[in-house]
N, C-alpha and C. Protein backbone atom coordinates (compact mmCIF):
# COMPACT_ATOMS: atom_id res chain seq x y z
N MET A 1 2.10 -4.03 17.22
CA MET A 1 2.88 -3.07 17.92
C MET A 1 2.44 -1.85 16.74
N ARG A 2 1.73 -0.60 16.66
CA ARG A 2 1.47 0.07 16.20
C ARG A 2 2.29 1.27 15.88
N SER A 3 2.49 1.43 14.46
CA SER A 3 3.55 2.27 14.05
C SER A 3 3.54 3.45 13.92
N PRO A 4 4.15 4.48 14.17
CA PRO A 4 4.54 6.09 14.80
C PRO A 4 3.18 6.33 13.89
N ALA A 5 3.98 6.23 12.69
CA ALA A 5 3.30 6.83 11.34
C ALA A 5 1.39 6.77 11.09
N LEU A 6 1.11 5.55 11.86
CA LEU A 6 0.11 5.02 11.45
C LEU A 6 -0.58 5.79 12.83
N ILE A 7 -0.16 6.07 14.11
CA ILE A 7 -0.68 6.95 15.34
C ILE A 7 -0.75 8.38 14.86
N ALA A 8 0.20 9.23 14.05
CA ALA A 8 0.09 9.84 13.46
C ALA A 8 -1.26 10.17 12.74
N LEU A 9 -1.00 9.25 11.64
CA LEU A 9 -2.34 10.13 10.48
C LEU A 9 -4.04 9.53 11.95
N GLY A 10 -3.50 8.88 12.30
CA GLY A 10 -5.44 8.38 12.95
C GLY A 10 -5.25 9.93 14.14
N SER A 11 -4.14 10.16 15.01
CA SER A 11 -4.24 11.65 15.49
C SER A 11 -4.44 13.10 15.07
N GLU A 12 -4.18 13.36 13.47
CA GLU A 12 -4.08 14.17 12.65
C GLU A 12 -5.70 13.97 12.04
N LEU A 13 -6.59 12.72 11.51
CA LEU A 13 -7.26 12.37 11.43
C LEU A 13 -8.05 13.39 11.71
N ARG A 14 -8.29 13.00 13.27
CA ARG A 14 -9.26 13.32 14.58
C ARG A 14 -8.79 14.97 14.55
N ARG A 15 -7.62 15.70 14.45
CA ARG A 15 -7.92 17.09 14.83
C ARG A 15 -8.02 17.66 13.73
N TYR A 16 -7.94 17.34 12.45
CA TYR A 16 -8.85 17.59 11.14
C TYR A 16 -10.38 17.78 11.31
N ARG A 17 -10.68 16.71 12.05
CA ARG A 17 -12.18 16.43 11.93
C ARG A 17 -12.72 16.72 12.74
N LEU A 18 -12.21 17.19 14.08
CA LEU A 18 -12.74 18.25 15.27
C LEU A 18 -12.51 19.29 15.34
N ALA A 19 -11.45 19.64 14.39
CA ALA A 19 -11.32 21.35 13.60
C ALA A 19 -12.27 21.81 12.75
N ALA A 20 -12.77 21.04 12.41
CA ALA A 20 -13.98 21.09 10.70
C ALA A 20 -15.39 21.18 11.56
N ASP A 21 -15.06 22.34 12.24
CA ASP A 21 -16.99 22.85 13.05
C ASP A 21 -17.54 21.38 14.28
N ASN A 22 -16.19 20.84 15.10
CA ASN A 22 -16.42 19.35 15.92
C ASN A 22 -16.92 18.50 15.52
N MET A 23 -16.80 18.24 14.23
CA MET A 23 -17.23 17.30 13.11
C MET A 23 -17.52 15.56 13.80
N THR A 24 -18.49 15.29 13.96
CA THR A 24 -18.45 13.83 14.05
C THR A 24 -18.60 12.53 13.56
N GLN A 25 -17.91 11.43 14.12
CA GLN A 25 -17.24 10.70 12.85
C GLN A 25 -18.59 10.02 11.97
N SER A 26 -19.87 10.00 12.53
CA SER A 26 -20.64 9.55 12.01
C SER A 26 -20.66 11.17 10.43
N HIS A 27 -20.86 11.86 10.72
CA HIS A 27 -21.44 12.79 9.71
C HIS A 27 -20.08 12.71 8.57
N LEU A 28 -18.74 12.27 9.20
CA LEU A 28 -17.36 12.47 7.98
C LEU A 28 -17.88 10.82 7.26
N ALA A 29 -18.33 9.86 8.07
CA ALA A 29 -18.84 8.80 7.34
C ALA A 29 -19.44 8.90 5.78
N LYS A 30 -20.75 9.67 6.40
CA LYS A 30 -21.85 9.66 5.67
C LYS A 30 -21.05 10.67 4.49
N LEU A 31 -19.93 11.54 4.74
CA LEU A 31 -19.52 12.58 3.43
C LEU A 31 -18.46 11.54 2.83
N ILE A 32 -17.66 10.65 3.19
CA ILE A 32 -16.92 9.88 2.21
C ILE A 32 -16.91 8.74 1.96
N ASN A 33 -18.35 8.08 2.57
CA ASN A 33 -19.50 6.86 2.23
C ASN A 33 -17.95 5.92 2.39
N TYR A 34 -17.52 6.06 3.56
CA TYR A 34 -16.91 5.18 5.06
C TYR A 34 -18.08 4.54 5.60
N SER A 35 -17.63 3.55 6.80
CA SER A 35 -17.96 3.53 7.71
C SER A 35 -17.67 3.94 9.34
N GLU A 36 -18.27 4.64 9.74
CA GLU A 36 -18.14 5.14 11.45
C GLU A 36 -16.72 3.99 11.61
N GLY A 37 -17.23 3.21 11.91
CA GLY A 37 -15.70 2.06 12.40
C GLY A 37 -14.93 2.44 11.76
N MET A 38 -14.72 2.14 10.78
CA MET A 38 -13.36 2.75 9.97
C MET A 38 -12.69 3.85 10.33
N ILE A 39 -13.71 4.63 10.14
CA ILE A 39 -13.18 6.19 10.99
C ILE A 39 -12.52 5.82 12.09
N SER A 40 -13.13 5.42 13.17
CA SER A 40 -12.68 5.44 14.35
C SER A 40 -11.66 4.36 14.58
N ASN A 41 -11.45 2.96 13.78
CA ASN A 41 -10.14 2.24 13.58
C ASN A 41 -9.34 3.04 13.43
N VAL A 42 -9.36 4.00 12.37
CA VAL A 42 -8.38 4.81 11.67
C VAL A 42 -7.75 5.56 12.96
N GLU A 43 -9.16 6.51 13.43
CA GLU A 43 -7.77 8.00 14.24
C GLU A 43 -7.49 6.83 16.01
N THR A 44 -7.75 5.57 15.75
CA THR A 44 -6.98 4.90 17.13
C THR A 44 -6.18 4.05 16.55
N ALA A 45 -5.40 3.92 15.31
CA ALA A 45 -4.50 3.50 14.63
C ALA A 45 -4.66 1.49 14.93
N GLN A 46 -6.44 1.87 14.67
CA GLN A 46 -6.43 -0.24 14.97
C GLN A 46 -6.37 -0.60 13.14
N LYS A 47 -6.43 0.23 12.31
CA LYS A 47 -6.47 -0.07 11.22
C LYS A 47 -5.24 1.19 9.89
N VAL A 48 -5.24 0.44 8.93
CA VAL A 48 -4.44 0.82 8.18
C VAL A 48 -5.31 1.07 7.44
N PRO A 49 -5.53 2.36 6.89
CA PRO A 49 -6.38 2.84 5.52
C PRO A 49 -5.91 2.83 4.16
N ARG A 50 -6.40 2.70 3.72
CA ARG A 50 -6.58 2.57 1.93
C ARG A 50 -6.50 3.59 1.57
N HIS A 51 -5.72 4.15 0.45
CA HIS A 51 -5.32 5.46 -0.17
C HIS A 51 -6.36 6.46 -0.53
N ASP A 52 -7.56 5.25 -1.28
CA ASP A 52 -8.71 5.68 -1.38
C ASP A 52 -9.23 6.44 -0.09
N PHE A 53 -9.14 5.70 0.89
CA PHE A 53 -10.17 6.50 2.33
C PHE A 53 -9.61 7.47 2.93
N VAL A 54 -8.33 7.87 2.66
CA VAL A 54 -7.68 8.86 3.03
C VAL A 54 -7.60 10.32 2.34
N GLU A 55 -7.89 10.00 0.95
CA GLU A 55 -7.82 10.81 0.09
C GLU A 55 -9.61 11.35 0.21
N ARG A 56 -10.38 10.63 0.30
CA ARG A 56 -11.59 11.20 0.55
C ARG A 56 -11.62 11.86 1.78
N CYS A 57 -10.82 11.83 2.76
CA CYS A 57 -10.81 11.83 4.59
C CYS A 57 -10.15 13.83 4.30
N ASP A 58 -9.11 13.71 3.43
CA ASP A 58 -8.37 14.99 3.19
C ASP A 58 -9.17 15.75 2.06
N GLN A 59 -9.85 15.01 1.02
CA GLN A 59 -10.74 16.29 0.48
C GLN A 59 -12.16 16.98 1.38
N ALA A 60 -12.53 16.11 2.34
CA ALA A 60 -13.85 15.89 2.63
C ALA A 60 -13.18 17.02 4.36
N LEU A 61 -12.11 17.48 4.54
CA LEU A 61 -11.98 17.79 5.76
C LEU A 61 -10.56 19.29 5.18
N ASN A 62 -10.44 19.26 4.19
CA ASN A 62 -9.86 20.44 3.09
C ASN A 62 -8.26 20.35 3.86
N THR A 63 -8.17 19.39 3.77
CA THR A 63 -6.30 19.28 4.66
C THR A 63 -5.44 19.69 3.78
N GLY A 64 -5.82 19.91 2.37
CA GLY A 64 -4.59 20.51 1.41
C GLY A 64 -3.19 19.13 1.16
N GLY A 65 -3.96 17.89 1.60
CA GLY A 65 -3.06 16.69 1.37
C GLY A 65 -2.05 16.59 2.29
N ALA A 66 -2.28 17.15 3.35
CA ALA A 66 -1.54 16.83 4.60
C ALA A 66 -1.70 14.84 5.04
N LEU A 67 -2.84 14.98 5.52
CA LEU A 67 -3.36 13.24 5.81
C LEU A 67 -2.85 12.50 4.38
N LEU A 68 -2.71 12.95 3.18
CA LEU A 68 -2.23 11.65 2.31
C LEU A 68 -0.14 11.78 2.71
N VAL A 69 0.25 12.85 3.22
CA VAL A 69 1.77 12.75 3.59
C VAL A 69 1.50 12.02 4.18
N LEU A 70 1.38 11.99 5.31
CA LEU A 70 1.14 10.61 6.26
C LEU A 70 0.76 9.40 6.10
N HIS A 71 -0.10 9.14 5.05
CA HIS A 71 -0.21 8.10 4.42
C HIS A 71 0.58 7.59 3.61
N GLY A 72 1.45 8.49 3.18
CA GLY A 72 2.64 7.91 2.19
C GLY A 72 3.63 7.31 2.79
N LEU A 73 3.40 7.98 4.58
CA LEU A 73 5.21 7.55 5.08
C LEU A 73 4.38 5.72 5.82
N LEU A 74 3.20 5.37 4.98
CA LEU A 74 3.08 4.23 5.54
C LEU A 74 3.32 3.03 5.45
N LYS A 75 3.42 3.42 4.00
CA LYS A 75 4.39 2.28 2.80
C LYS A 75 5.57 1.27 3.46
N TYR A 76 6.22 2.41 5.04
CA TYR A 76 7.64 1.65 5.13
C TYR A 76 7.24 1.59 6.15
N ASP A 77 5.97 0.63 6.40
CA ASP A 77 5.69 0.16 7.81
C ASP A 77 5.12 -1.40 7.68
N THR A 78 4.64 -1.93 8.26
CA THR A 78 4.45 -3.62 8.57
C THR A 78 2.93 -4.07 7.36
N HIS A 79 2.29 -3.38 7.20
CA HIS A 79 1.46 -3.86 6.60
C HIS A 79 1.75 -4.60 5.25
N PRO A 80 1.43 -5.77 5.11
CA PRO A 80 2.02 -6.82 4.14
C PRO A 80 2.19 -6.06 2.58
N VAL A 81 1.03 -5.38 1.96
CA VAL A 81 1.32 -4.57 1.06
C VAL A 81 2.47 -3.76 1.05
N GLU A 82 2.41 -2.61 1.79
CA GLU A 82 3.12 -1.55 2.14
C GLU A 82 4.94 -1.66 2.61
N ALA A 83 4.70 -2.88 3.47
CA ALA A 83 6.54 -2.92 3.65
C ALA A 83 7.29 -3.46 1.85
N PHE A 84 6.74 -3.58 1.17
CA PHE A 84 7.50 -4.21 -0.04
C PHE A 84 7.46 -2.73 -0.52
N ALA A 85 6.69 -1.55 0.14
CA ALA A 85 7.44 -0.53 -0.75
C ALA A 85 8.70 -0.11 -1.18
N ARG A 86 9.55 -0.27 -0.02
CA ARG A 86 10.91 0.13 0.08
C ARG A 86 11.50 -0.97 -0.92
N TYR A 87 10.86 -1.76 -1.74
CA TYR A 87 11.77 -2.31 -2.55
C TYR A 87 11.11 -2.13 -3.98
N THR A 88 9.72 -1.53 -4.24
CA THR A 88 9.38 -1.20 -5.18
C THR A 88 9.85 0.15 -5.63
N ASP A 89 10.15 0.99 -4.13
CA ASP A 89 10.67 2.39 -4.85
C ASP A 89 12.10 2.06 -5.18
N ALA A 90 12.92 1.45 -4.90
CA ALA A 90 14.12 1.10 -5.11
C ALA A 90 14.39 0.64 -6.77
N GLU A 91 12.90 -0.58 -6.85
CA GLU A 91 12.98 -0.86 -8.23
C GLU A 91 12.71 -0.09 -8.92
N SER A 92 11.48 0.90 -9.01
CA SER A 92 11.24 2.04 -10.01
C SER A 92 12.43 2.68 -10.21
N GLN A 93 13.11 3.13 -9.60
CA GLN A 93 14.56 3.99 -10.13
C GLN A 93 15.51 3.15 -10.55
N ALA A 94 15.68 1.27 -11.09
CA ALA A 94 16.44 0.96 -11.36
C ALA A 94 16.81 1.33 -12.37
N ASN A 95 18.35 1.08 -13.04
CA ASN A 95 18.38 1.24 -14.75
C ASN A 95 18.53 -0.89 -15.13
N ALA A 96 18.90 -1.22 -14.11
CA ALA A 96 19.04 -2.74 -14.51
C ALA A 96 18.25 -3.55 -13.07
N ILE A 97 18.15 -4.79 -13.29
CA ILE A 97 17.89 -5.29 -12.35
C ILE A 97 18.61 -6.74 -12.25
N TYR A 98 19.42 -7.53 -11.91
CA TYR A 98 20.08 -8.62 -11.92
C TYR A 98 19.23 -9.88 -10.66
N MET A 99 19.03 -10.45 -11.59
CA MET A 99 17.81 -11.83 -10.41
C MET A 99 18.00 -13.09 -10.57
N TRP A 100 17.91 -13.34 -9.53
CA TRP A 100 17.88 -15.21 -9.41
C TRP A 100 16.86 -15.73 -9.28
N GLU A 101 16.15 -16.45 -9.30
CA GLU A 101 14.79 -17.11 -9.25
C GLU A 101 15.29 -18.44 -8.92
N PHE A 102 14.60 -19.32 -8.06
CA PHE A 102 14.86 -21.05 -8.31
C PHE A 102 12.64 -21.24 -8.67
N VAL A 103 12.67 -21.68 -9.44
CA VAL A 103 11.14 -21.98 -9.64
C VAL A 103 10.41 -21.28 -10.39
N VAL A 104 10.25 -20.16 -9.58
CA VAL A 104 9.26 -19.35 -9.32
C VAL A 104 9.37 -17.91 -10.54
N ILE A 105 8.57 -17.56 -10.99
CA ILE A 105 8.20 -16.28 -12.15
C ILE A 105 8.89 -15.78 -11.38
N PRO A 106 9.32 -14.77 -11.49
CA PRO A 106 9.47 -13.35 -10.89
C PRO A 106 8.10 -12.43 -10.37
N GLY A 107 8.46 -11.44 -10.30
CA GLY A 107 6.95 -10.99 -9.09
C GLY A 107 6.83 -10.19 -10.76
N VAL A 108 7.71 -9.12 -11.10
CA VAL A 108 7.52 -8.15 -12.11
C VAL A 108 6.75 -8.78 -13.27
N PHE A 109 7.17 -10.17 -13.58
CA PHE A 109 6.56 -10.87 -14.46
C PHE A 109 5.60 -11.74 -14.63
N GLN A 110 4.71 -11.79 -12.90
CA GLN A 110 3.73 -12.49 -12.97
C GLN A 110 2.29 -12.01 -13.48
N THR A 111 1.09 -12.71 -14.13
CA THR A 111 0.06 -12.27 -14.17
C THR A 111 -0.76 -12.59 -12.99
N PRO A 112 -2.05 -11.80 -12.92
CA PRO A 112 -2.78 -11.66 -11.67
C PRO A 112 -3.03 -13.13 -11.08
N GLU A 113 -2.93 -14.49 -11.81
CA GLU A 113 -3.66 -15.27 -11.85
C GLU A 113 -2.23 -16.04 -10.93
N TYR A 114 -1.52 -16.27 -11.40
CA TYR A 114 -0.24 -16.55 -11.41
C TYR A 114 0.32 -16.06 -9.63
N ALA A 115 0.33 -14.56 -9.63
CA ALA A 115 0.80 -14.01 -7.97
C ALA A 115 -0.64 -14.78 -7.34
N ARG A 116 -1.61 -14.32 -7.34
CA ARG A 116 -2.98 -14.74 -6.64
C ARG A 116 -2.70 -15.78 -5.90
N ALA A 117 -2.40 -17.44 -7.27
CA ALA A 117 -2.25 -18.53 -6.11
C ALA A 117 -0.62 -18.14 -5.73
N LEU A 118 0.17 -17.63 -6.16
CA LEU A 118 1.64 -17.74 -5.09
C LEU A 118 1.21 -17.42 -3.80
N LEU A 119 0.68 -16.22 -4.12
CA LEU A 119 0.40 -15.41 -2.90
C LEU A 119 -0.48 -16.08 -1.45
N THR A 120 -1.83 -16.73 -1.92
CA THR A 120 -2.50 -17.46 -0.92
C THR A 120 -2.13 -18.45 -0.66
N ALA A 121 -1.12 -19.54 -1.69
CA ALA A 121 -0.87 -20.66 -1.57
C ALA A 121 0.70 -20.16 0.17
N GLY A 122 1.02 -19.25 0.39
CA GLY A 122 2.21 -19.02 0.92
C GLY A 122 1.66 -17.77 2.37
N ARG A 123 0.22 -17.65 2.25
CA ARG A 123 -0.73 -16.54 3.32
C ARG A 123 -1.88 -17.71 3.30
N PRO A 124 -1.74 -18.97 3.69
CA PRO A 124 -3.39 -19.44 3.95
C PRO A 124 -4.50 -18.80 4.85
N THR A 125 -3.91 -18.12 5.83
CA THR A 125 -5.08 -17.97 6.48
C THR A 125 -5.62 -16.09 6.54
N VAL A 126 -4.93 -15.68 5.49
CA VAL A 126 -4.65 -14.30 5.35
C VAL A 126 -6.19 -14.11 4.56
N LYS A 127 -6.77 -12.80 4.78
CA LYS A 127 -7.94 -12.15 4.33
C LYS A 127 -8.01 -11.83 2.62
N PRO A 128 -8.90 -12.53 2.30
CA PRO A 128 -9.19 -12.35 0.91
C PRO A 128 -8.47 -10.77 0.40
N GLU A 129 -8.85 -9.46 1.25
CA GLU A 129 -8.89 -8.34 0.28
C GLU A 129 -7.56 -7.82 1.07
N ILE A 130 -6.32 -8.77 2.07
CA ILE A 130 -4.83 -8.38 1.91
C ILE A 130 -4.65 -9.47 0.57
N ILE A 131 -5.11 -10.76 0.19
CA ILE A 131 -4.33 -11.06 -0.48
C ILE A 131 -4.73 -9.64 -2.30
N ASP A 132 -5.78 -9.57 -2.35
CA ASP A 132 -6.42 -8.47 -3.21
C ASP A 132 -5.06 -7.28 -3.27
N ASP A 133 -5.11 -6.93 -2.51
CA ASP A 133 -3.90 -5.84 -2.20
C ASP A 133 -2.68 -6.65 -3.07
N LEU A 134 -2.08 -7.75 -2.38
CA LEU A 134 -0.71 -8.27 -2.58
C LEU A 134 -0.63 -8.24 -4.32
N VAL A 135 -1.75 -8.82 -4.65
CA VAL A 135 -1.62 -9.00 -6.56
C VAL A 135 -1.31 -7.24 -6.81
N ALA A 136 -2.60 -6.73 -6.45
CA ALA A 136 -2.54 -5.47 -6.97
C ALA A 136 -1.14 -4.38 -7.10
N ALA A 137 -0.53 -4.48 -6.10
CA ALA A 137 0.51 -4.02 -5.69
C ALA A 137 1.71 -4.74 -6.78
N ARG A 138 1.99 -5.97 -6.45
CA ARG A 138 2.60 -7.01 -7.33
C ARG A 138 2.59 -6.59 -9.04
N MET A 139 1.29 -6.16 -9.72
CA MET A 139 0.65 -6.07 -10.64
C MET A 139 1.47 -4.28 -10.79
N GLN A 140 1.35 -3.83 -10.45
CA GLN A 140 1.65 -2.09 -10.44
C GLN A 140 3.11 -2.15 -10.71
N ARG A 141 3.68 -3.23 -10.24
CA ARG A 141 5.51 -3.13 -10.32
C ARG A 141 5.70 -3.33 -11.82
N GLN A 142 4.68 -3.68 -12.43
CA GLN A 142 5.39 -4.49 -14.08
C GLN A 142 5.21 -2.61 -14.72
N ASP A 143 4.74 -1.86 -14.19
CA ASP A 143 4.94 -0.18 -15.11
C ASP A 143 6.04 0.06 -15.56
N ILE A 144 7.49 -0.46 -14.40
CA ILE A 144 8.16 -0.44 -14.96
C ILE A 144 8.81 -1.27 -16.38
N LEU A 145 8.39 -1.92 -17.02
CA LEU A 145 8.51 -2.46 -17.98
C LEU A 145 7.73 -1.71 -19.16
N SER A 146 7.08 -1.05 -19.11
CA SER A 146 6.56 -0.27 -19.80
C SER A 146 6.84 1.45 -19.97
N ARG A 147 7.56 1.57 -19.09
CA ARG A 147 7.87 3.09 -18.59
C ARG A 147 8.99 3.84 -20.24
N ASP A 148 9.25 5.45 -20.75
CA ASP A 148 10.06 5.52 -21.51
C ASP A 148 11.39 4.68 -21.76
N ARG A 149 11.67 4.85 -20.19
CA ARG A 149 12.95 4.08 -20.28
C ARG A 149 12.97 2.92 -20.08
N PRO A 150 12.43 1.51 -20.51
CA PRO A 150 12.53 0.56 -19.52
C PRO A 150 13.69 -0.20 -19.55
N LEU A 151 13.83 -0.89 -17.64
CA LEU A 151 15.10 -0.93 -17.41
C LEU A 151 15.37 -2.52 -18.42
N ASP A 152 16.57 -2.52 -18.17
CA ASP A 152 17.36 -4.09 -18.66
C ASP A 152 17.52 -4.66 -17.30
N LEU A 153 16.96 -6.32 -18.02
CA LEU A 153 16.93 -7.07 -17.12
C LEU A 153 17.76 -7.86 -17.31
N ILE A 154 18.67 -8.39 -16.58
CA ILE A 154 20.19 -9.63 -16.85
C ILE A 154 19.48 -10.27 -15.44
N ARG A 155 19.84 -11.71 -16.60
CA ARG A 155 19.59 -13.04 -15.55
C ARG A 155 21.04 -13.71 -15.70
N GLN A 156 21.36 -13.97 -14.18
CA GLN A 156 22.53 -14.20 -14.65
C GLN A 156 22.94 -15.77 -13.49
N ILE A 157 23.50 -16.72 -14.63
CA ILE A 157 23.69 -18.19 -14.59
C ILE A 157 25.04 -19.20 -14.02
N ARG A 158 24.77 -19.02 -13.28
CA ARG A 158 26.18 -19.75 -13.05
C ARG A 158 27.20 -20.53 -13.93
N GLU A 159 28.00 -20.78 -13.78
CA GLU A 159 28.26 -21.53 -14.97
C GLU A 159 29.29 -22.71 -14.43
N ASP A 160 29.41 -22.59 -12.95
CA ASP A 160 29.77 -23.45 -12.09
C ASP A 160 29.16 -24.87 -11.68
N GLN A 161 27.91 -24.56 -12.06
CA GLN A 161 26.78 -25.64 -11.81
C GLN A 161 26.44 -27.02 -12.35
């Protein structure tokens, strides 16, 4: 099922492209250095675009950030990387995190290699570029550890075990 945000982004991309002197997908593809097929897939809500793609379209079509705003809504949809955004949004605002993990190093402390191994093992049929996106998203979470006021990490151990 295609998400409303993805449909809206595709529709607006097409509207802005056509408003730009009836620009073709081929012409836009050359301007942004992406394939015509990618533009078609985004316009028809068949593919979730990366931020870079939307940023280039936004600049080429002079939308004033409108496409980027719509792209921001995608982080709450079902794309494997973006669906985790609600958690990471809350995590980035937290003062403390209480966590319990069983045998696995918590995601915020994982190295890229460790994260890739876990993500690949858990999703053996997923395309490598999706795994790359998931690893990058996990590594970006580590920003909360080096901000001006790092959060407190509290590990709870149950005494009754």
